[in-house]
Protein backbone atom coordinates (compact mmCIF):
# COMPACT_ATOMS: atom_id res chain seq x y z
CA UNK A 1 -37.75 -49.64 61.13
CA UNK A 2 -36.18 -47.50 58.41
CA UNK A 3 -36.13 -43.70 58.50
CA UNK A 4 -38.88 -43.28 55.84
CA UNK A 5 -40.94 -45.70 57.75
CA UNK A 6 -40.38 -43.81 60.89
CA UNK A 7 -41.46 -40.72 59.26
CA UNK A 8 -44.65 -42.42 58.01
CA UNK A 9 -45.27 -43.46 61.58
CA UNK A 10 -45.00 -39.97 63.07
CA UNK A 11 -47.02 -38.49 60.21
CA UNK A 12 -49.84 -40.94 60.54
CA UNK A 13 -49.84 -40.57 64.34
CA UNK A 14 -50.12 -36.79 64.00
CA UNK A 15 -52.93 -37.03 61.39
CA UNK A 16 -54.66 -39.63 63.80
CA UNK A 17 -54.55 -37.24 66.65
CA UNK A 18 -55.71 -34.35 64.60
CA UNK A 19 -58.68 -36.35 63.28
CA UNK A 20 -59.50 -37.45 66.71
CA UNK A 21 -59.59 -33.76 67.97
CA UNK A 22 -61.56 -32.77 64.84
CA UNK A 23 -64.29 -35.24 65.80
CA UNK A 24 -65.06 -32.93 68.77
CA UNK A 25 -62.49 -31.17 70.87
CA UNK A 26 -61.09 -34.41 72.34
CA UNK A 27 -60.00 -32.78 75.55
CA UNK A 28 -60.73 -35.68 77.88
CA UNK A 29 -58.59 -38.15 75.94
CA UNK A 30 -56.01 -35.61 75.35
CA UNK A 31 -55.60 -34.92 79.06
CA UNK A 32 -55.34 -38.65 79.79
CA UNK A 33 -52.64 -39.04 77.32
CA UNK A 34 -50.68 -36.05 78.62
CA UNK A 35 -51.04 -37.45 82.26
CA UNK A 36 -49.64 -40.68 81.29
CA UNK A 37 -46.77 -38.97 79.27
CA UNK A 38 -45.86 -36.67 82.25
CA UNK A 39 -45.54 -39.79 84.49
CA UNK A 40 -43.33 -41.78 82.24
CA UNK A 41 -39.67 -41.77 83.10
CA UNK A 42 -37.34 -40.08 80.56
CA UNK A 43 -35.78 -42.59 78.15
CA UNK A 44 -37.66 -45.58 79.43
CA UNK A 45 -39.43 -48.14 77.51
CA UNK A 46 -38.10 -46.96 74.10
CA UNK A 47 -36.78 -50.32 72.90
CA UNK A 48 -38.65 -52.06 70.16
CA UNK A 49 -38.18 -55.15 67.98
CA UNK A 50 -39.54 -55.66 64.42
CA UNK A 51 -39.08 -58.39 61.81
CA UNK A 52 -35.77 -57.05 60.64
CA UNK A 53 -34.66 -54.58 63.34
CA UNK A 54 -33.81 -54.48 66.93
CA UNK A 55 -33.25 -51.26 68.96
CA UNK A 56 -30.87 -49.88 71.54
CA UNK A 57 -31.34 -46.83 73.88
CA UNK A 58 -29.19 -45.19 76.43
CA UNK A 59 -29.40 -42.06 78.54
CA UNK A 60 -26.57 -39.60 78.64
CA UNK A 61 -26.19 -36.64 81.01
CA UNK A 62 -24.09 -33.51 80.67
CA UNK A 63 -23.71 -30.08 82.34
CA UNK A 64 -22.67 -26.92 80.43
CA UNK A 65 -22.21 -23.45 81.33
CA UNK A 66 -25.19 -21.10 80.92
CA UNK A 67 -24.78 -18.26 78.38
CA UNK A 68 -28.22 -16.78 78.50
CA UNK A 69 -29.14 -18.36 75.11
CA UNK A 70 -29.60 -21.93 74.07
CA UNK A 71 -30.18 -23.51 70.62
CA UNK A 72 -31.46 -27.18 70.34
CA UNK A 73 -31.63 -29.08 67.11
CA UNK A 74 -33.69 -32.33 67.59
CA UNK A 75 -32.62 -33.67 64.16
CA UNK A 76 -34.92 -35.72 62.09
CA UNK A 77 -36.52 -37.87 64.80
CA UNK A 78 -35.94 -36.14 68.24
CA UNK A 79 -38.22 -34.47 70.60
CA UNK A 80 -37.11 -31.51 73.00
CA UNK A 81 -38.32 -30.63 76.52
CA UNK A 82 -37.00 -27.60 78.28
CA UNK A 83 -37.76 -26.61 81.82
CA UNK A 84 -36.58 -23.56 83.80
CA UNK A 85 -35.05 -24.20 87.18
CA UNK A 86 -33.31 -22.19 89.87
CA UNK A 87 -29.75 -23.05 88.66
CA UNK A 88 -26.72 -21.28 87.28
CA UNK A 89 -25.78 -23.90 84.56
CA UNK A 90 -27.59 -26.10 82.07
CA UNK A 91 -28.33 -29.69 82.60
CA UNK A 92 -28.83 -31.77 79.50
CA UNK A 93 -30.34 -35.26 79.51
CA UNK A 94 -30.09 -36.99 76.07
CA UNK A 95 -31.98 -40.21 75.13
CA UNK A 96 -30.10 -41.97 72.34
CA UNK A 97 -32.10 -44.45 70.31
CA UNK A 98 -30.63 -46.66 67.50
CA UNK A 99 -31.95 -49.54 65.43
CA UNK A 100 -30.03 -52.12 63.44
CA UNK A 101 -30.18 -55.76 62.39
CA UNK A 102 -28.35 -56.96 65.52
CA UNK A 103 -27.92 -55.85 69.27
CA UNK A 104 -24.12 -55.33 68.52
CA UNK A 105 -24.68 -53.20 65.44
CA UNK A 106 -27.34 -51.05 67.29
CA UNK A 107 -24.91 -50.52 70.20
CA UNK A 108 -22.11 -49.63 67.79
CA UNK A 109 -24.41 -47.17 66.12
CA UNK A 110 -25.20 -45.48 69.50
CA UNK A 111 -21.35 -45.27 70.24
CA UNK A 112 -20.70 -43.35 67.06
CA UNK A 113 -23.24 -40.50 68.08
CA UNK A 114 -21.63 -37.41 69.36
CA UNK A 115 -23.50 -34.78 71.00
CA UNK A 116 -22.53 -31.08 71.27
CA UNK A 117 -23.49 -29.59 74.41
CA UNK A 118 -22.30 -25.81 74.32
CA UNK A 119 -24.67 -22.94 73.37
CA UNK A 120 -25.82 -25.38 70.44
CA UNK A 121 -27.02 -28.72 71.49
CA UNK A 122 -27.04 -31.10 68.34
CA UNK A 123 -26.16 -34.82 67.68
CA UNK A 124 -24.17 -35.98 64.94
CA UNK A 125 -23.14 -39.40 63.55
CA UNK A 126 -20.66 -40.53 60.86
CA UNK A 127 -23.50 -42.86 59.70
CA UNK A 128 -25.66 -39.97 58.48
CA UNK A 129 -29.07 -39.22 59.98
CA UNK A 130 -30.76 -42.68 59.45
CA UNK A 131 -31.52 -45.41 62.02
CA UNK A 132 -30.97 -43.26 65.08
CA UNK A 133 -32.53 -40.39 67.00
CA UNK A 134 -31.65 -38.25 70.08
CA UNK A 135 -34.32 -36.68 72.18
CA UNK A 136 -33.52 -34.12 74.95
CA UNK A 137 -34.79 -33.18 78.47
CA UNK A 138 -33.00 -29.99 79.47
CA UNK A 139 -33.01 -27.77 82.66
CA UNK A 140 -31.98 -24.25 82.08
CA UNK A 141 -31.94 -20.90 84.17
CA UNK A 142 -35.35 -19.46 84.20
CA UNK A 143 -34.12 -16.43 82.24
CA UNK A 144 -33.06 -18.06 79.13
CA UNK A 145 -33.50 -17.28 75.41
CA UNK A 146 -34.38 -20.49 73.45
CA UNK A 147 -34.34 -21.65 69.79
CA UNK A 148 -35.69 -25.08 69.33
CA UNK A 149 -36.06 -27.09 66.19
CA UNK A 150 -37.42 -30.63 65.46
CA UNK A 151 -38.92 -32.44 62.57
CA UNK A 152 -40.58 -35.80 63.80
CA UNK A 153 -40.61 -34.82 67.55
CA UNK A 154 -42.64 -32.81 70.12
CA UNK A 155 -41.53 -29.62 71.71
CA UNK A 156 -42.20 -28.69 75.38
CA UNK A 157 -41.26 -25.54 77.39
CA UNK A 158 -41.99 -24.99 80.98
CA UNK A 159 -41.25 -22.09 83.40
CA UNK A 160 -38.89 -20.11 81.07
CA UNK A 161 -38.89 -16.46 80.28
CA UNK A 162 -37.09 -15.02 77.41
CA UNK A 163 -37.06 -14.74 73.50
CA UNK A 164 -38.52 -18.28 72.85
CA UNK A 165 -38.59 -19.51 69.25
CA UNK A 166 -39.44 -22.92 68.10
CA UNK A 167 -40.70 -25.04 65.10
CA UNK A 168 -41.43 -28.72 64.47
CA UNK A 169 -43.16 -30.55 61.53
CA UNK A 170 -44.55 -33.56 63.08
CA UNK A 171 -45.07 -33.17 66.76
CA UNK A 172 -47.12 -31.61 69.44
CA UNK A 173 -46.32 -28.27 71.37
CA UNK A 174 -46.72 -27.80 75.05
CA UNK A 175 -46.12 -24.49 76.82
CA UNK A 176 -46.65 -23.98 80.54
CA UNK A 177 -45.71 -20.89 82.77
CA UNK A 178 -43.76 -19.23 80.07
CA UNK A 179 -43.13 -15.44 79.50
CA UNK A 180 -41.31 -13.13 77.17
CA UNK A 181 -41.63 -13.11 73.43
CA UNK A 182 -42.88 -16.51 72.56
CA UNK A 183 -43.23 -17.54 68.87
CA UNK A 184 -43.62 -21.02 67.29
CA UNK A 185 -45.51 -23.39 64.98
CA UNK A 186 -45.96 -27.02 64.20
CA UNK A 187 -47.49 -28.50 61.13
CA UNK A 188 -48.90 -31.83 62.30
CA UNK A 189 -49.46 -31.69 66.01
CA UNK A 190 -51.70 -30.31 68.77
CA UNK A 191 -50.87 -27.22 70.88
CA UNK A 192 -51.30 -27.10 74.67
CA UNK A 193 -50.86 -23.63 76.35
CA UNK A 194 -51.21 -23.20 80.05
CA UNK A 195 -51.24 -19.61 81.18
CA UNK A 196 -50.79 -18.59 84.90
CA UNK A 197 -50.84 -15.30 87.00
CA UNK A 198 -53.02 -12.41 86.21
CA UNK A 199 -51.39 -11.34 82.97
CA UNK A 200 -48.57 -12.07 80.43
CA UNK A 201 -45.12 -10.99 81.32
CA UNK A 202 -43.40 -9.77 78.22
CA UNK A 203 -44.46 -8.83 74.68
CA UNK A 204 -46.73 -11.72 73.96
CA UNK A 205 -47.35 -15.13 72.59
CA UNK A 206 -48.01 -16.40 68.97
CA UNK A 207 -48.30 -20.08 68.20
CA UNK A 208 -49.89 -21.76 65.22
CA UNK A 209 -50.58 -25.29 64.02
CA UNK A 210 -52.03 -26.59 60.72
CA UNK A 211 -53.26 -30.06 61.61
CA UNK A 212 -53.85 -30.20 65.38
CA UNK A 213 -56.24 -29.16 68.13
CA UNK A 214 -55.77 -26.38 70.56
CA UNK A 215 -56.14 -26.57 74.29
CA UNK A 216 -55.77 -23.17 75.98
CA UNK A 217 -56.04 -22.93 79.86
CA UNK A 218 -56.02 -19.72 81.97
CA UNK A 219 -57.44 -18.07 85.02
CA UNK A 220 -60.81 -16.63 84.31
CA UNK A 221 -59.38 -13.32 85.67
CA UNK A 222 -56.45 -13.20 83.27
CA UNK A 223 -56.04 -9.87 81.38
CA UNK A 224 -54.89 -10.17 77.78
CA UNK A 225 -55.80 -9.55 74.22
CA UNK A 226 -56.97 -13.11 73.09
CA UNK A 227 -56.90 -14.32 69.61
CA UNK A 228 -57.70 -17.84 68.53
CA UNK A 229 -59.43 -19.57 65.72
CA UNK A 230 -59.93 -22.60 63.58
CA UNK A 231 -61.02 -23.24 59.86
CA UNK A 232 -62.23 -26.83 60.34
CA UNK A 233 -62.97 -27.83 64.00
CA UNK A 234 -65.22 -27.54 67.02
CA UNK A 235 -65.00 -24.81 69.70
CA UNK A 236 -65.64 -24.97 73.46
CA UNK A 237 -64.89 -22.57 76.27
CA UNK A 238 -65.44 -22.76 80.05
CA UNK A 239 -64.84 -18.89 80.28
CA UNK A 240 -67.98 -17.10 79.15
CA UNK A 241 -66.15 -13.89 78.09
CA UNK A 242 -64.27 -16.18 75.52
CA UNK A 243 -67.10 -18.02 73.92
CA UNK A 244 -68.82 -17.62 70.47
CA UNK A 245 -72.44 -17.91 69.51
CA UNK A 246 -73.52 -20.87 67.39
CA UNK A 247 -74.29 -18.39 64.45
CA UNK A 248 -70.69 -17.26 64.57
CA UNK A 249 -69.75 -20.55 62.88
CA UNK A 250 -69.23 -20.51 59.10
CA UNK A 251 -69.42 -23.30 56.67
CA UNK A 252 -71.41 -26.44 56.45
CA UNK A 253 -71.26 -29.81 57.97
CA UNK A 254 -69.99 -31.00 61.20
CA UNK A 255 -66.25 -30.75 60.34
CA UNK A 256 -66.48 -27.60 58.23
CA UNK A 257 -66.86 -24.83 60.87
CA UNK A 258 -64.74 -21.69 60.77
CA UNK A 259 -64.51 -19.87 64.02
CA UNK A 260 -62.50 -16.67 64.94
CA UNK A 261 -62.20 -15.03 68.43
CA UNK A 262 -60.41 -11.77 68.91
CA UNK A 263 -61.35 -10.13 72.04
CA UNK A 264 -60.10 -7.96 74.96
CA UNK A 265 -60.31 -10.05 78.23
CA UNK A 266 -60.40 -8.32 81.61
CA UNK A 267 -59.22 -4.82 80.38
CA UNK A 268 -56.68 -6.40 77.85
CA UNK A 269 -52.93 -6.72 77.93
CA UNK A 270 -50.21 -8.46 75.82
CA UNK A 271 -51.47 -10.27 72.80
CA UNK A 272 -52.07 -14.02 73.21
CA UNK A 273 -52.57 -15.66 69.80
CA UNK A 274 -53.09 -19.48 69.38
CA UNK A 275 -54.31 -20.60 65.97
CA UNK A 276 -55.14 -23.84 64.15
CA UNK A 277 -56.37 -24.62 60.65
CA UNK A 278 -57.64 -28.15 61.07
CA UNK A 279 -58.49 -28.83 64.70
CA UNK A 280 -60.73 -28.13 67.53
CA UNK A 281 -60.18 -25.44 70.08
CA UNK A 282 -60.85 -25.80 73.83
CA UNK A 283 -60.39 -22.83 76.24
CA UNK A 284 -60.32 -24.11 79.86
CA UNK A 285 -60.63 -22.17 83.09
CA UNK A 286 -57.90 -23.03 85.68
CA UNK A 287 -60.36 -22.67 88.49
CA UNK A 288 -62.67 -25.33 86.99
CA UNK A 289 -59.74 -27.69 86.30
CA UNK A 290 -58.71 -27.45 89.91
CA UNK A 291 -61.98 -28.86 91.09
CA UNK A 292 -61.33 -32.24 89.22
């Protein structure tokens, strides 16, 4: 699979997921997919064979000193997952994937990939950026500033507090139990945000996607200034205070509904902004989710 074909694959997948969510909100299917992904071991089952290529993958593990800030570059085809932990250093797990015409060539390509693991985590190869990818699973101290960049890969952040900045082009975004100043975007990918506690700790959250659904989950008692909206997509909320009347929809046709919600919830608090252009929006109650 050549790099341009890999790009086409990720782009098609992103559009497919977005179209699926646009057909309603697609929450049930999305939750099943996320459950399956969470239970898949990192860097397992990534090998493939095609008519002209075979692949090779290996997991590498490093530790680095924590500096309070971390930048991760996923390159052309790598995803990034970062989780906060009670630790004083940074643990980096890297999944190296290569593809070539023979097993030997694929292994040789992997051997040529070098990964920098200081305050900047980035993979490089003397063969350019084609026919390989490196994805990351990283554990950091809970109070860490992050800057994450990917192109054809998803971004996930869990249990981290700080100045969190991220961007990807073709990939979903998942945020859980985060705090601080959090800003990011994806172009082709869904956004999943899970809020916990009674209110946001820090200056706020601002996440956008162009082609992808939004799944926002929080306790019904959460205090914040909530802003969400879509230009083309459905809307559903399990929290009565975060709902819209049918007449608030604008446009015509099932897939031409513009919805905007900007409201003070439970007395207000930090701004929580999650916006999509082409995708459905689902707001879920933590209490309701725990019943199932």
